[in-house]
C-alpha atoms as a PDB file:
ATOM      1  CA  MET A   1     -17.589 -48.257  31.076  1.00  0.00           C
ATOM      2  CA  THR A   2     -15.300 -49.335  28.218  1.00  0.00           C
ATOM      3  CA  PRO A   3     -14.963 -46.882  25.310  1.00  0.00           C
ATOM      4  CA  ASP A   4     -16.578 -48.046  22.070  1.00  0.00           C
ATOM      5  CA  ARG A   5     -13.693 -48.893  19.779  1.00  0.00           C
ATOM      6  CA  THR A   6     -16.008 -49.057  16.725  1.00  0.00           C
ATOM      7  CA  THR A   7     -16.592 -45.314  16.874  1.00  0.00           C
ATOM      8  CA  THR A   8     -15.136 -43.676  13.804  1.00  0.00           C
ATOM      9  CA  ALA A   9     -14.107 -40.119  13.087  1.00  0.00           C
ATOM     10  CA  PRO A  10     -16.929 -37.984  11.735  1.00  0.00           C
ATOM     11  CA  ASP A  11     -17.252 -37.534   7.967  1.00  0.00           C
ATOM     12  CA  GLU A  12     -16.190 -34.186   6.572  1.00  0.00           C
ATOM     13  CA  ARG A  13     -17.054 -32.618   3.222  1.00  0.00           C
ATOM     14  CA  TRP A  14     -14.216 -32.441   0.704  1.00  0.00           C
ATOM     15  CA  VAL A  15     -13.681 -30.927  -2.754  1.00  0.00           C
ATOM     16  CA  THR A  16     -11.190 -32.686  -4.970  1.00  0.00           C
ATOM     17  CA  PHE A  17      -9.852 -31.144  -8.203  1.00  0.00           C
ATOM     18  CA  VAL A  18      -8.350 -33.787 -10.555  1.00  0.00           C
ATOM     19  CA  ARG A  19      -6.408 -32.711 -13.616  1.00  0.00           C
ATOM     20  CA  GLY A  20      -6.057 -35.547 -16.124  1.00  0.00           C
ATOM     21  CA  THR A  21      -5.684 -36.568 -19.692  1.00  0.00           C
ATOM     22  CA  ASN A  22      -8.677 -35.603 -21.837  1.00  0.00           C
ATOM     23  CA  ARG A  23      -9.419 -39.054 -23.219  1.00  0.00           C
ATOM     24  CA  PRO A  24     -12.125 -41.721 -22.937  1.00  0.00           C
ATOM     25  CA  GLY A  25     -11.863 -43.566 -19.660  1.00  0.00           C
ATOM     26  CA  THR A  26     -10.215 -40.898 -17.485  1.00  0.00           C
ATOM     27  CA  VAL A  27     -13.423 -39.903 -15.677  1.00  0.00           C
ATOM     28  CA  ALA A  28     -14.417 -43.577 -15.385  1.00  0.00           C
ATOM     29  CA  ALA A  29     -11.030 -44.401 -13.756  1.00  0.00           C
ATOM     30  CA  VAL A  30     -11.437 -41.544 -11.248  1.00  0.00           C
ATOM     31  CA  THR A  31     -15.000 -42.570 -10.353  1.00  0.00           C
ATOM     32  CA  ALA A  32     -13.934 -46.218 -10.022  1.00  0.00           C
ATOM     33  CA  VAL A  33     -11.487 -45.226  -7.274  1.00  0.00           C
ATOM     34  CA  PHE A  34     -14.384 -43.700  -5.340  1.00  0.00           C
ATOM     35  CA  ALA A  35     -16.703 -46.672  -6.014  1.00  0.00           C
ATOM     36  CA  THR A  36     -14.220 -49.323  -4.940  1.00  0.00           C
ATOM     37  CA  ARG A  37     -13.817 -47.487  -1.636  1.00  0.00           C
ATOM     38  CA  GLY A  38     -17.573 -47.086  -1.041  1.00  0.00           C
ATOM     39  CA  ILE A  39     -17.528 -43.305  -1.277  1.00  0.00           C
ATOM     40  CA  SER A  40     -20.493 -41.562  -2.929  1.00  0.00           C
ATOM     41  CA  PHE A  41     -20.340 -38.157  -4.604  1.00  0.00           C
ATOM     42  CA  ASP A  42     -22.257 -35.166  -3.418  1.00  0.00           C
ATOM     43  CA  SER A  43     -21.460 -33.717  -6.876  1.00  0.00           C
ATOM     44  CA  LEU A  44     -19.318 -34.511  -9.886  1.00  0.00           C
ATOM     45  CA  ALA A  45     -18.488 -32.085 -12.702  1.00  0.00           C
ATOM     46  CA  THR A  46     -16.084 -31.928 -15.578  1.00  0.00           C
ATOM     47  CA  GLY A  47     -14.825 -28.827 -17.250  1.00  0.00           C
ATOM     48  CA  ASP A  48     -11.877 -26.700 -18.184  1.00  0.00           C
ATOM     49  CA  ALA A  49     -10.832 -29.188 -20.902  1.00  0.00           C
ATOM     50  CA  ASP A  50      -8.674 -28.617 -23.911  1.00  0.00           C
ATOM     51  CA  ASP A  51      -7.392 -31.100 -26.485  1.00  0.00           C
ATOM     52  CA  GLU A  52      -5.012 -32.713 -23.976  1.00  0.00           C
ATOM     53  CA  VAL A  53      -6.017 -32.029 -20.405  1.00  0.00           C
ATOM     54  CA  GLY A  54      -9.318 -31.861 -18.529  1.00  0.00           C
ATOM     55  CA  LEU A  55     -10.554 -31.265 -15.015  1.00  0.00           C
ATOM     56  CA  VAL A  56     -12.856 -33.327 -12.801  1.00  0.00           C
ATOM     57  CA  VAL A  57     -14.279 -31.727  -9.655  1.00  0.00           C
ATOM     58  CA  VAL A  58     -15.780 -34.049  -7.027  1.00  0.00           C
ATOM     59  CA  THR A  59     -17.384 -33.197  -3.708  1.00  0.00           C
ATOM     60  CA  PHE A  60     -17.843 -36.020  -1.244  1.00  0.00           C
ATOM     61  CA  ARG A  61     -17.993 -36.913   2.440  1.00  0.00           C
ATOM     62  CA  THR A  62     -15.592 -39.119   4.335  1.00  0.00           C
ATOM     63  CA  THR A  63     -13.064 -39.076   7.152  1.00  0.00           C
ATOM     64  CA  GLU A  64      -9.761 -37.275   6.749  1.00  0.00           C
ATOM     65  CA  ARG A  65      -7.885 -40.597   6.759  1.00  0.00           C
ATOM     66  CA  ARG A  66     -10.037 -42.108   3.996  1.00  0.00           C
ATOM     67  CA  GLN A  67      -9.779 -38.842   2.026  1.00  0.00           C
ATOM     68  CA  ARG A  68      -5.994 -39.111   2.055  1.00  0.00           C
ATOM     69  CA  GLU A  69      -6.122 -42.721   0.919  1.00  0.00           C
ATOM     70  CA  LEU A  70      -8.546 -41.815  -1.857  1.00  0.00           C
ATOM     71  CA  VAL A  71      -6.447 -38.904  -3.087  1.00  0.00           C
ATOM     72  CA  ARG A  72      -3.279 -41.077  -3.139  1.00  0.00           C
ATOM     73  CA  ALA A  73      -5.088 -43.723  -5.206  1.00  0.00           C
ATOM     74  CA  VAL A  74      -6.480 -41.112  -7.660  1.00  0.00           C
ATOM     75  CA  ASP A  75      -3.066 -39.433  -7.974  1.00  0.00           C
ATOM     76  CA  ARG A  76      -1.489 -42.786  -8.915  1.00  0.00           C
ATOM     77  CA  LEU A  77      -3.767 -43.250 -11.939  1.00  0.00           C
ATOM     78  CA  ALA A  78      -1.805 -43.092 -15.194  1.00  0.00           C
ATOM     79  CA  ALA A  79      -4.235 -40.548 -16.720  1.00  0.00           C
ATOM     80  CA  VAL A  80      -3.979 -38.157 -13.748  1.00  0.00           C
ATOM     81  CA  SER A  81      -1.426 -35.325 -13.733  1.00  0.00           C
ATOM     82  CA  GLY A  82      -2.462 -33.567 -10.524  1.00  0.00           C
ATOM     83  CA  VAL A  83      -4.817 -33.633  -7.564  1.00  0.00           C
ATOM     84  CA  VAL A  84      -5.720 -30.894  -5.103  1.00  0.00           C
ATOM     85  CA  VAL A  85      -8.092 -31.497  -2.227  1.00  0.00           C
ATOM     86  CA  ARG A  86      -9.678 -28.950   0.092  1.00  0.00           C
ATOM     87  CA  ARG A  87     -12.268 -29.036   2.886  1.00  0.00           C
ATOM     88  CA  ALA A  88     -15.552 -27.800   1.457  1.00  0.00           C
ATOM     89  CA  GLU A  89     -15.733 -25.261   4.314  1.00  0.00           C
ATOM     90  CA  ASP A  90     -12.380 -23.749   3.290  1.00  0.00           C
ATOM     91  CA  LEU A  91     -13.192 -20.131   2.367  1.00  0.00           C
ATOM     92  CA  GLY A  92     -10.669 -20.458  -0.490  1.00  0.00           C
ATOM     93  CA  VAL A  93     -12.967 -22.933  -2.263  1.00  0.00           C
ATOM     94  CA  ARG A  94     -14.805 -20.512  -4.521  1.00  0.00           C
ATOM     95  CA  ALA A  95     -18.049 -21.125  -6.376  1.00  0.00           C
ATOM     96  CA  ALA A  96     -20.641 -19.406  -8.551  1.00  0.00           C
ATOM     97  CA  GLY A  97     -24.320 -20.172  -8.367  1.00  0.00           C
ATOM     98  CA  VAL A  98     -27.357 -19.232 -10.389  1.00  0.00           C
ATOM     99  CA  VAL A  99     -30.890 -19.276  -9.007  1.00  0.00           C
ATOM    100  CA  HIS A 100     -34.111 -18.429 -10.729  1.00  0.00           C
ATOM    101  CA  VAL A 101     -36.808 -17.245  -8.328  1.00  0.00           C
ATOM    102  CA  PRO A 102     -40.345 -16.726  -9.640  1.00  0.00           C
ATOM    103  CA  ARG A 103     -41.257 -13.174 -10.759  1.00  0.00           C
ATOM    104  CA  GLY A 104     -42.543 -11.059  -7.912  1.00  0.00           C
ATOM    105  CA  VAL A 105     -40.484 -12.762  -5.219  1.00  0.00           C
ATOM    106  CA  ALA A 106     -38.116 -10.137  -3.754  1.00  0.00           C
ATOM    107  CA  PHE A 107     -35.185 -12.386  -2.979  1.00  0.00           C
ATOM    108  CA  ARG A 108     -31.940 -11.200  -1.401  1.00  0.00           C
ATOM    109  CA  PRO A 109     -29.126 -13.440  -0.223  1.00  0.00           C
ATOM    110  CA  PRO A 110     -28.917 -13.880   3.561  1.00  0.00           C
ATOM    111  CA  GLU A 111     -26.827 -11.118   5.157  1.00  0.00           C
ATOM    112  CA  GLU A 112     -24.420 -13.627   6.728  1.00  0.00           C
ATOM    113  CA  ALA A 113     -23.438 -14.947   3.309  1.00  0.00           C
ATOM    114  CA  ALA A 114     -20.189 -13.299   2.121  1.00  0.00           C
ATOM    115  CA  VAL A 115     -21.088 -13.209  -1.565  1.00  0.00           C
ATOM    116  CA  SER A 116     -21.406 -10.853  -4.425  1.00  0.00           C
ATOM    117  CA  TRP A 117     -24.515 -11.143  -6.518  1.00  0.00           C
ATOM    118  CA  SER A 118     -26.309  -9.628  -9.445  1.00  0.00           C
ATOM    119  CA  GLY A 119     -29.717  -9.885 -11.029  1.00  0.00           C
ATOM    120  CA  ASP A 120     -33.191  -8.799  -9.984  1.00  0.00           C
ATOM    121  CA  ALA A 121     -35.197 -11.786  -8.795  1.00  0.00           C
ATOM    122  CA  ALA A 122     -38.326  -9.654  -8.420  1.00  0.00           C
ATOM    123  CA  GLN A 123     -38.252  -9.033 -12.188  1.00  0.00           C
ATOM    124  CA  GLY A 124     -37.876 -12.722 -12.936  1.00  0.00           C
ATOM    125  CA  GLN A 125     -34.154 -12.452 -13.722  1.00  0.00           C
ATOM    126  CA  PRO A 126     -31.755 -15.183 -12.671  1.00  0.00           C
ATOM    127  CA  VAL A 127     -29.572 -14.181  -9.738  1.00  0.00           C
ATOM    128  CA  LEU A 128     -25.811 -14.880 -10.069  1.00  0.00           C
ATOM    129  CA  VAL A 129     -24.032 -15.426  -6.748  1.00  0.00           C
ATOM    130  CA  GLU A 130     -20.254 -15.663  -6.317  1.00  0.00           C
ATOM    131  CA  GLY A 131     -18.170 -16.349  -3.204  1.00  0.00           C
ATOM    132  CA  PRO A 132     -16.991 -19.163  -0.933  1.00  0.00           C
ATOM    133  CA  LEU A 133     -18.715 -22.448  -1.670  1.00  0.00           C
ATOM    134  CA  VAL A 134     -20.323 -22.668   1.771  1.00  0.00           C
ATOM    135  CA  ASP A 135     -21.849 -19.187   1.360  1.00  0.00           C
ATOM    136  CA  VAL A 136     -23.004 -19.828  -2.196  1.00  0.00           C
ATOM    137  CA  GLU A 137     -24.717 -23.014  -0.941  1.00  0.00           C
ATOM    138  CA  LEU A 138     -26.356 -20.970   1.845  1.00  0.00           C
ATOM    139  CA  VAL A 139     -27.783 -18.545  -0.721  1.00  0.00           C
ATOM    140  CA  VAL A 140     -28.984 -21.340  -3.011  1.00  0.00           C
ATOM    141  CA  ASP A 141     -30.725 -23.046  -0.070  1.00  0.00           C
ATOM    142  CA  ALA A 142     -32.371 -19.727   0.886  1.00  0.00           C
ATOM    143  CA  ALA A 143     -33.474 -19.223  -2.732  1.00  0.00           C
ATOM    144  CA  ARG A 144     -35.009 -22.684  -2.838  1.00  0.00           C
ATOM    145  CA  ALA A 145     -36.887 -21.929   0.361  1.00  0.00           C
ATOM    146  CA  ALA A 146     -38.140 -18.733  -1.298  1.00  0.00           C
ATOM    147  CA  GLY A 147     -39.466 -20.752  -4.244  1.00  0.00           C
ATOM    148  CA  ALA A 148     -36.545 -20.938  -6.664  1.00  0.00           C
ATOM    149  CA  THR A 149     -37.510 -23.079  -9.643  1.00  0.00           C
ATOM    150  CA  SER A 150     -33.977 -23.879 -10.716  1.00  0.00           C
ATOM    151  CA  SER A 151     -30.456 -23.541  -9.403  1.00  0.00           C
ATOM    152  CA  ALA A 152     -26.902 -24.535 -10.271  1.00  0.00           C
ATOM    153  CA  ILE A 153     -23.551 -24.298  -8.584  1.00  0.00           C
ATOM    154  CA  VAL A 154     -20.177 -24.444 -10.271  1.00  0.00           C
ATOM    155  CA  ILE A 155     -17.048 -24.873  -8.127  1.00  0.00           C
ATOM    156  CA  GLN A 156     -14.145 -22.860  -9.430  1.00  0.00           C
ATOM    157  CA  PRO A 157     -10.825 -24.717  -9.646  1.00  0.00           C
ATOM    158  CA  PRO A 158      -7.793 -23.379  -7.837  1.00  0.00           C
ATOM    159  CA  GLU A 159      -5.158 -21.620  -9.923  1.00  0.00           C
ATOM    160  CA  ARG A 160      -3.021 -24.712 -10.215  1.00  0.00           C
ATOM    161  CA  VAL A 161      -3.851 -28.402 -10.002  1.00  0.00           C
ATOM    162  CA  THR A 162      -0.549 -30.249 -10.169  1.00  0.00           C
ATOM    163  CA  GLY A 163       0.900 -33.322  -8.589  1.00  0.00           C
END
């Protein structure tokens, strides 16, 4: 039997941190690079902006080869001053999540999740969870299964995002 040469490498999840000029069009230029390569976002967030520089955080799925091509293209944009990319499963990719479970539901994060957390879900308080992105996502998924009415995840940028 002949091997199937159309088989491609499996898609992996990636987190890209893009530092760029804080001006109209920067986010559009970054998103255009993804769009022209047929790569959809799992999430897109902006933040950590001052008068001159801002941050765009994108999670997406693709092969390692296409990820490298994408990062090179984003890094060449005139408005971009730095790009850092990590596998989403990298334990160094840190996140914070907030979930709101209905009053009376005694929610606790799964024991296998290496997170710190605060809040009393049973009293109707939001629960704040911090740790590796994959573990924060595990907790948010568990909270949704327990009846969480709202949730949010913020991916924390690495210390430096430079080219």
